[in-house]
Each structure stands twice: as C-alpha cells, then as structure tokens.
Amino acid sequence: KPLTVIANGGLDANWLTEFGFPTVTLGAGQMNPHTVREQLHIPSFLTACQVGLTLATGKEKE
C-alpha cells in the first residue's frame, strides 16, 4: 500500500505548487536522503519506476 506523506524537499513541484499548479510526486525508495547515510532501496525504486511508466503510458506491465 502506498504511503502518503507531505514533504517539503527540493523539488520543482514546490515551485509549481507555489504558482498554483497542483503537483504529485513519487518517492523512489530513498532512505535518509541528503545525508551521509543516504541509500536507495532497489525494490522500492523499481516499483516506483513501474508506477511512473503506468501513469505516463496508461498501460500496466503485462
């Protein structure tokens, strides 16, 4: 089940939202971002990639 959170990171989405353009972003498996302990959880990253492809193409992986 996706986890829904509000975060104020350094995304272009912050600027778009500031100027009235609603945005949605996807997490991609980051752990401890922007720290010396930053890591990437590969299975979560691959899932996020598939979600992005599905949203962009309208086609689910067969």
PDB file of N, CA and C in Angstrom:
ATOM      1  N   LYS A   1       0.851  -1.171   0.000  1.00  0.00           N
ATOM      2  CA  LYS A   1       0.000   0.000   0.000  1.00  0.00           C
ATOM      3  C   LYS A   1       0.900   1.238   0.000  1.00  0.00           C
ATOM      4  N   PRO A   2       0.658   2.192  -0.908  1.00  0.00           N
ATOM      5  CA  PRO A   2       1.482   3.404  -0.941  1.00  0.00           C
ATOM      6  C   PRO A   2       1.366   4.200   0.352  1.00  0.00           C
ATOM      7  N   LEU A   3       2.452   4.826   0.723  1.00  0.00           N
ATOM      8  CA  LEU A   3       2.489   5.695   1.896  1.00  0.00           C
ATOM      9  C   LEU A   3       2.337   7.133   1.418  1.00  0.00           C
ATOM     10  N   THR A   4       1.369   7.847   1.945  1.00  0.00           N
ATOM     11  CA  THR A   4       1.132   9.232   1.557  1.00  0.00           C
ATOM     12  C   THR A   4       1.700  10.150   2.626  1.00  0.00           C
ATOM     13  N   VAL A   5       2.616  11.034   2.229  1.00  0.00           N
ATOM     14  CA  VAL A   5       3.197  11.998   3.157  1.00  0.00           C
ATOM     15  C   VAL A   5       3.326  13.347   2.464  1.00  0.00           C
ATOM     16  N   ILE A   6       3.387  14.391   3.252  1.00  0.00           N
ATOM     17  CA  ILE A   6       3.669  15.726   2.739  1.00  0.00           C
ATOM     18  C   ILE A   6       5.098  16.053   3.135  1.00  0.00           C
ATOM     19  N   ALA A   7       5.921  16.405   2.151  1.00  0.00           N
ATOM     20  CA  ALA A   7       7.322  16.714   2.419  1.00  0.00           C
ATOM     21  C   ALA A   7       7.729  17.951   1.632  1.00  0.00           C
ATOM     22  N   ASN A   8       8.521  18.781   2.246  1.00  0.00           N
ATOM     23  CA  ASN A   8       8.995  19.993   1.583  1.00  0.00           C
ATOM     24  C   ASN A   8      10.447  19.815   1.162  1.00  0.00           C
ATOM     25  N   GLY A   9      10.673  18.967   0.192  1.00  0.00           N
ATOM     26  CA  GLY A   9      12.020  18.742  -0.322  1.00  0.00           C
ATOM     27  C   GLY A   9      12.360  19.737  -1.413  1.00  0.00           C
ATOM     28  N   GLY A  10      13.504  19.554  -2.032  1.00  0.00           N
ATOM     29  CA  GLY A  10      13.965  20.453  -3.087  1.00  0.00           C
ATOM     30  C   GLY A  10      13.475  20.025  -4.452  1.00  0.00           C
ATOM     31  N   LEU A  11      12.186  20.019  -4.652  1.00  0.00           N
ATOM     32  CA  LEU A  11      11.605  19.573  -5.917  1.00  0.00           C
ATOM     33  C   LEU A  11      11.101  20.747  -6.737  1.00  0.00           C
ATOM     34  N   ASP A  12      11.120  20.603  -8.052  1.00  0.00           N
ATOM     35  CA  ASP A  12      10.484  21.594  -8.913  1.00  0.00           C
ATOM     36  C   ASP A  12       8.999  21.703  -8.597  1.00  0.00           C
ATOM     37  N   ALA A  13       8.416  20.621  -8.087  1.00  0.00           N
ATOM     38  CA  ALA A  13       6.993  20.627  -7.742  1.00  0.00           C
ATOM     39  C   ALA A  13       6.676  21.707  -6.715  1.00  0.00           C
ATOM     40  N   ASN A  14       7.611  22.015  -5.843  1.00  0.00           N
ATOM     41  CA  ASN A  14       7.375  23.077  -4.856  1.00  0.00           C
ATOM     42  C   ASN A  14       7.115  24.410  -5.542  1.00  0.00           C
ATOM     43  N   TRP A  15       7.878  24.719  -6.575  1.00  0.00           N
ATOM     44  CA  TRP A  15       7.694  25.979  -7.300  1.00  0.00           C
ATOM     45  C   TRP A  15       6.399  25.959  -8.098  1.00  0.00           C
ATOM     46  N   LEU A  16       6.101  24.844  -8.728  1.00  0.00           N
ATOM     47  CA  LEU A  16       4.859  24.750  -9.497  1.00  0.00           C
ATOM     48  C   LEU A  16       3.646  24.943  -8.594  1.00  0.00           C
ATOM     49  N   THR A  17       3.662  24.305  -7.430  1.00  0.00           N
ATOM     50  CA  THR A  17       2.566  24.442  -6.475  1.00  0.00           C
ATOM     51  C   THR A  17       2.456  25.886  -5.984  1.00  0.00           C
ATOM     52  N   GLU A  18       3.593  26.504  -5.728  1.00  0.00           N
ATOM     53  CA  GLU A  18       3.613  27.903  -5.280  1.00  0.00           C
ATOM     54  C   GLU A  18       2.889  28.820  -6.264  1.00  0.00           C
ATOM     55  N   PHE A  19       2.973  28.489  -7.555  1.00  0.00           N
ATOM     56  CA  PHE A  19       2.342  29.312  -8.585  1.00  0.00           C
ATOM     57  C   PHE A  19       0.993  28.766  -9.048  1.00  0.00           C
ATOM     58  N   GLY A  20       0.394  27.876  -8.223  1.00  0.00           N
ATOM     59  CA  GLY A  20      -0.969  27.448  -8.472  1.00  0.00           C
ATOM     60  C   GLY A  20      -1.144  26.204  -9.321  1.00  0.00           C
ATOM     61  N   PHE A  21      -0.054  25.483  -9.594  1.00  0.00           N
ATOM     62  CA  PHE A  21      -0.157  24.251 -10.372  1.00  0.00           C
ATOM     63  C   PHE A  21      -0.086  23.059  -9.421  1.00  0.00           C
ATOM     64  N   PRO A  22      -1.210  22.356  -9.203  1.00  0.00           N
ATOM     65  CA  PRO A  22      -1.177  21.195  -8.315  1.00  0.00           C
ATOM     66  C   PRO A  22      -0.199  20.144  -8.851  1.00  0.00           C
ATOM     67  N   THR A  23       0.517  19.519  -7.962  1.00  0.00           N
ATOM     68  CA  THR A  23       1.509  18.519  -8.368  1.00  0.00           C
ATOM     69  C   THR A  23       1.410  17.273  -7.502  1.00  0.00           C
ATOM     70  N   VAL A  24       1.909  16.191  -8.035  1.00  0.00           N
ATOM     71  CA  VAL A  24       2.042  14.931  -7.309  1.00  0.00           C
ATOM     72  C   VAL A  24       3.446  14.425  -7.587  1.00  0.00           C
ATOM     73  N   THR A  25       4.120  13.951  -6.576  1.00  0.00           N
ATOM     74  CA  THR A  25       5.445  13.369  -6.771  1.00  0.00           C
ATOM     75  C   THR A  25       5.444  11.942  -6.244  1.00  0.00           C
ATOM     76  N   LEU A  26       6.373  11.163  -6.716  1.00  0.00           N
ATOM     77  CA  LEU A  26       6.500   9.775  -6.278  1.00  0.00           C
ATOM     78  C   LEU A  26       7.836   9.582  -5.585  1.00  0.00           C
ATOM     79  N   GLY A  27       7.810   8.952  -4.424  1.00  0.00           N
ATOM     80  CA  GLY A  27       9.056   8.541  -3.799  1.00  0.00           C
ATOM     81  C   GLY A  27       9.620   7.354  -4.558  1.00  0.00           C
ATOM     82  N   ALA A  28      10.916   7.227  -4.526  1.00  0.00           N
ATOM     83  CA  ALA A  28      11.536   6.160  -5.315  1.00  0.00           C
ATOM     84  C   ALA A  28      12.479   5.306  -4.483  1.00  0.00           C
ATOM     85  N   GLY A  29      12.147   5.072  -3.237  1.00  0.00           N
ATOM     86  CA  GLY A  29      12.931   4.169  -2.407  1.00  0.00           C
ATOM     87  C   GLY A  29      14.078   4.803  -1.652  1.00  0.00           C
ATOM     88  N   GLN A  30      14.080   6.131  -1.536  1.00  0.00           N
ATOM     89  CA  GLN A  30      15.167   6.789  -0.831  1.00  0.00           C
ATOM     90  C   GLN A  30      15.091   6.528   0.668  1.00  0.00           C
ATOM     91  N   MET A  31      16.256   6.352   1.263  1.00  0.00           N
ATOM     92  CA  MET A  31      16.345   6.223   2.716  1.00  0.00           C
ATOM     93  C   MET A  31      17.399   7.214   3.192  1.00  0.00           C
ATOM     94  N   ASN A  32      17.087   7.993   4.198  1.00  0.00           N
ATOM     95  CA  ASN A  32      17.991   9.012   4.734  1.00  0.00           C
ATOM     96  C   ASN A  32      18.488   9.969   3.648  1.00  0.00           C
ATOM     97  N   PRO A  33      17.579  10.527   2.832  1.00  0.00           N
ATOM     98  CA  PRO A  33      18.035  11.382   1.733  1.00  0.00           C
ATOM     99  C   PRO A  33      18.781  12.627   2.218  1.00  0.00           C
ATOM    100  N   HIS A  34      19.722  13.058   1.411  1.00  0.00           N
ATOM    101  CA  HIS A  34      20.513  14.270   1.655  1.00  0.00           C
ATOM    102  C   HIS A  34      21.343  14.172   2.932  1.00  0.00           C
ATOM    103  N   THR A  35      21.729  12.959   3.293  1.00  0.00           N
ATOM    104  CA  THR A  35      22.610  12.756   4.442  1.00  0.00           C
ATOM    105  C   THR A  35      23.767  11.863   4.007  1.00  0.00           C
ATOM    106  N   VAL A  36      24.761  11.728   4.873  1.00  0.00           N
ATOM    107  CA  VAL A  36      25.879  10.831   4.559  1.00  0.00           C
ATOM    108  C   VAL A  36      25.446   9.369   4.615  1.00  0.00           C
ATOM    109  N   ARG A  37      24.242   9.102   5.130  1.00  0.00           N
ATOM    110  CA  ARG A  37      23.719   7.735   5.211  1.00  0.00           C
ATOM    111  C   ARG A  37      22.681   7.447   4.128  1.00  0.00           C
ATOM    112  N   GLU A  38      22.618   8.306   3.108  1.00  0.00           N
ATOM    113  CA  GLU A  38      21.636   8.138   2.039  1.00  0.00           C
ATOM    114  C   GLU A  38      21.833   6.791   1.344  1.00  0.00           C
ATOM    115  N   GLN A  39      20.719   6.107   1.118  1.00  0.00           N
ATOM    116  CA  GLN A  39      20.722   4.814   0.439  1.00  0.00           C
ATOM    117  C   GLN A  39      19.505   4.733  -0.468  1.00  0.00           C
ATOM    118  N   LEU A  40      19.532   3.760  -1.361  1.00  0.00           N
ATOM    119  CA  LEU A  40      18.399   3.523  -2.244  1.00  0.00           C
ATOM    120  C   LEU A  40      17.938   2.085  -2.071  1.00  0.00           C
ATOM    121  N   HIS A  41      16.657   1.904  -1.778  1.00  0.00           N
ATOM    122  CA  HIS A  41      16.071   0.571  -1.666  1.00  0.00           C
ATOM    123  C   HIS A  41      15.636   0.162  -3.071  1.00  0.00           C
ATOM    124  N   ILE A  42      16.416  -0.708  -3.709  1.00  0.00           N
ATOM    125  CA  ILE A  42      16.225  -1.048  -5.120  1.00  0.00           C
ATOM    126  C   ILE A  42      14.819  -1.580  -5.416  1.00  0.00           C
ATOM    127  N   PRO A  43      14.256  -2.520  -4.630  1.00  0.00           N
ATOM    128  CA  PRO A  43      12.901  -2.994  -4.946  1.00  0.00           C
ATOM    129  C   PRO A  43      11.867  -1.857  -4.954  1.00  0.00           C
ATOM    130  N   SER A  44      11.965  -0.919  -4.013  1.00  0.00           N
ATOM    131  CA  SER A  44      11.035   0.216  -3.994  1.00  0.00           C
ATOM    132  C   SER A  44      11.262   1.126  -5.192  1.00  0.00           C
ATOM    133  N   PHE A  45      12.521   1.314  -5.572  1.00  0.00           N
ATOM    134  CA  PHE A  45      12.847   2.125  -6.740  1.00  0.00           C
ATOM    135  C   PHE A  45      12.228   1.527  -7.999  1.00  0.00           C
ATOM    136  N   LEU A  46      12.361   0.213  -8.176  1.00  0.00           N
ATOM    137  CA  LEU A  46      11.805  -0.447  -9.358  1.00  0.00           C
ATOM    138  C   LEU A  46      10.278  -0.362  -9.376  1.00  0.00           C
ATOM    139  N   THR A  47       9.651  -0.483  -8.207  1.00  0.00           N
ATOM    140  CA  THR A  47       8.196  -0.333  -8.130  1.00  0.00           C
ATOM    141  C   THR A  47       7.784   1.082  -8.528  1.00  0.00           C
ATOM    142  N   ALA A  48       8.497   2.089  -8.024  1.00  0.00           N
ATOM    143  CA  ALA A  48       8.183   3.478  -8.371  1.00  0.00           C
ATOM    144  C   ALA A  48       8.365   3.722  -9.866  1.00  0.00           C
ATOM    145  N   CYS A  49       9.393   3.116 -10.460  1.00  0.00           N
ATOM    146  CA  CYS A  49       9.590   3.248 -11.914  1.00  0.00           C
ATOM    147  C   CYS A  49       8.397   2.670 -12.665  1.00  0.00           C
ATOM    148  N   GLN A  50       7.911   1.522 -12.223  1.00  0.00           N
ATOM    149  CA  GLN A  50       6.772   0.898 -12.888  1.00  0.00           C
ATOM    150  C   GLN A  50       5.513   1.746 -12.729  1.00  0.00           C
ATOM    151  N   VAL A  51       5.306   2.315 -11.560  1.00  0.00           N
ATOM    152  CA  VAL A  51       4.157   3.202 -11.346  1.00  0.00           C
ATOM    153  C   VAL A  51       4.252   4.404 -12.279  1.00  0.00           C
ATOM    154  N   GLY A  52       5.428   5.001 -12.381  1.00  0.00           N
ATOM    155  CA  GLY A  52       5.620   6.139 -13.274  1.00  0.00           C
ATOM    156  C   GLY A  52       5.345   5.791 -14.723  1.00  0.00           C
ATOM    157  N   LEU A  53       5.827   4.637 -15.165  1.00  0.00           N
ATOM    158  CA  LEU A  53       5.565   4.200 -16.540  1.00  0.00           C
ATOM    159  C   LEU A  53       4.078   3.975 -16.778  1.00  0.00           C
ATOM    160  N   THR A  54       3.411   3.378 -15.802  1.00  0.00           N
ATOM    161  CA  THR A  54       1.968   3.142 -15.934  1.00  0.00           C
ATOM    162  C   THR A  54       1.213   4.466 -16.023  1.00  0.00           C
ATOM    163  N   LEU A  55       1.583   5.429 -15.183  1.00  0.00           N
ATOM    164  CA  LEU A  55       0.926   6.737 -15.229  1.00  0.00           C
ATOM    165  C   LEU A  55       1.193   7.452 -16.552  1.00  0.00           C
ATOM    166  N   ALA A  56       2.409   7.334 -17.066  1.00  0.00           N
ATOM    167  CA  ALA A  56       2.782   8.040 -18.293  1.00  0.00           C
ATOM    168  C   ALA A  56       2.171   7.420 -19.541  1.00  0.00           C
ATOM    169  N   THR A  57       2.017   6.095 -19.534  1.00  0.00           N
ATOM    170  CA  THR A  57       1.557   5.406 -20.744  1.00  0.00           C
ATOM    171  C   THR A  57       0.117   4.936 -20.665  1.00  0.00           C
ATOM    172  N   GLY A  58      -0.420   4.812 -19.447  1.00  0.00           N
ATOM    173  CA  GLY A  58      -1.769   4.282 -19.283  1.00  0.00           C
ATOM    174  C   GLY A  58      -1.825   2.775 -19.445  1.00  0.00           C
ATOM    175  N   LYS A  59      -0.655   2.125 -19.499  1.00  0.00           N
ATOM    176  CA  LYS A  59      -0.601   0.673 -19.687  1.00  0.00           C
ATOM    177  C   LYS A  59       0.154   0.033 -18.532  1.00  0.00           C
ATOM    178  N   GLU A  60      -0.482  -0.984 -17.936  1.00  0.00           N
ATOM    179  CA  GLU A  60       0.189  -1.710 -16.872  1.00  0.00           C
ATOM    180  C   GLU A  60       1.111  -2.761 -17.461  1.00  0.00           C
ATOM    181  N   LYS A  61       2.149  -3.111 -16.694  1.00  0.00           N
ATOM    182  CA  LYS A  61       3.080  -4.151 -17.116  1.00  0.00           C
ATOM    183  C   LYS A  61       2.328  -5.463 -17.239  1.00  0.00           C
ATOM    184  N   GLU A  62       2.576  -6.169 -18.325  1.00  0.00           N
ATOM    185  CA  GLU A  62       1.875  -7.447 -18.540  1.00  0.00           C
ATOM    186  C   GLU A  62       2.586  -8.584 -17.860  1.00  0.00           C
TER     187      GLU A  62
END
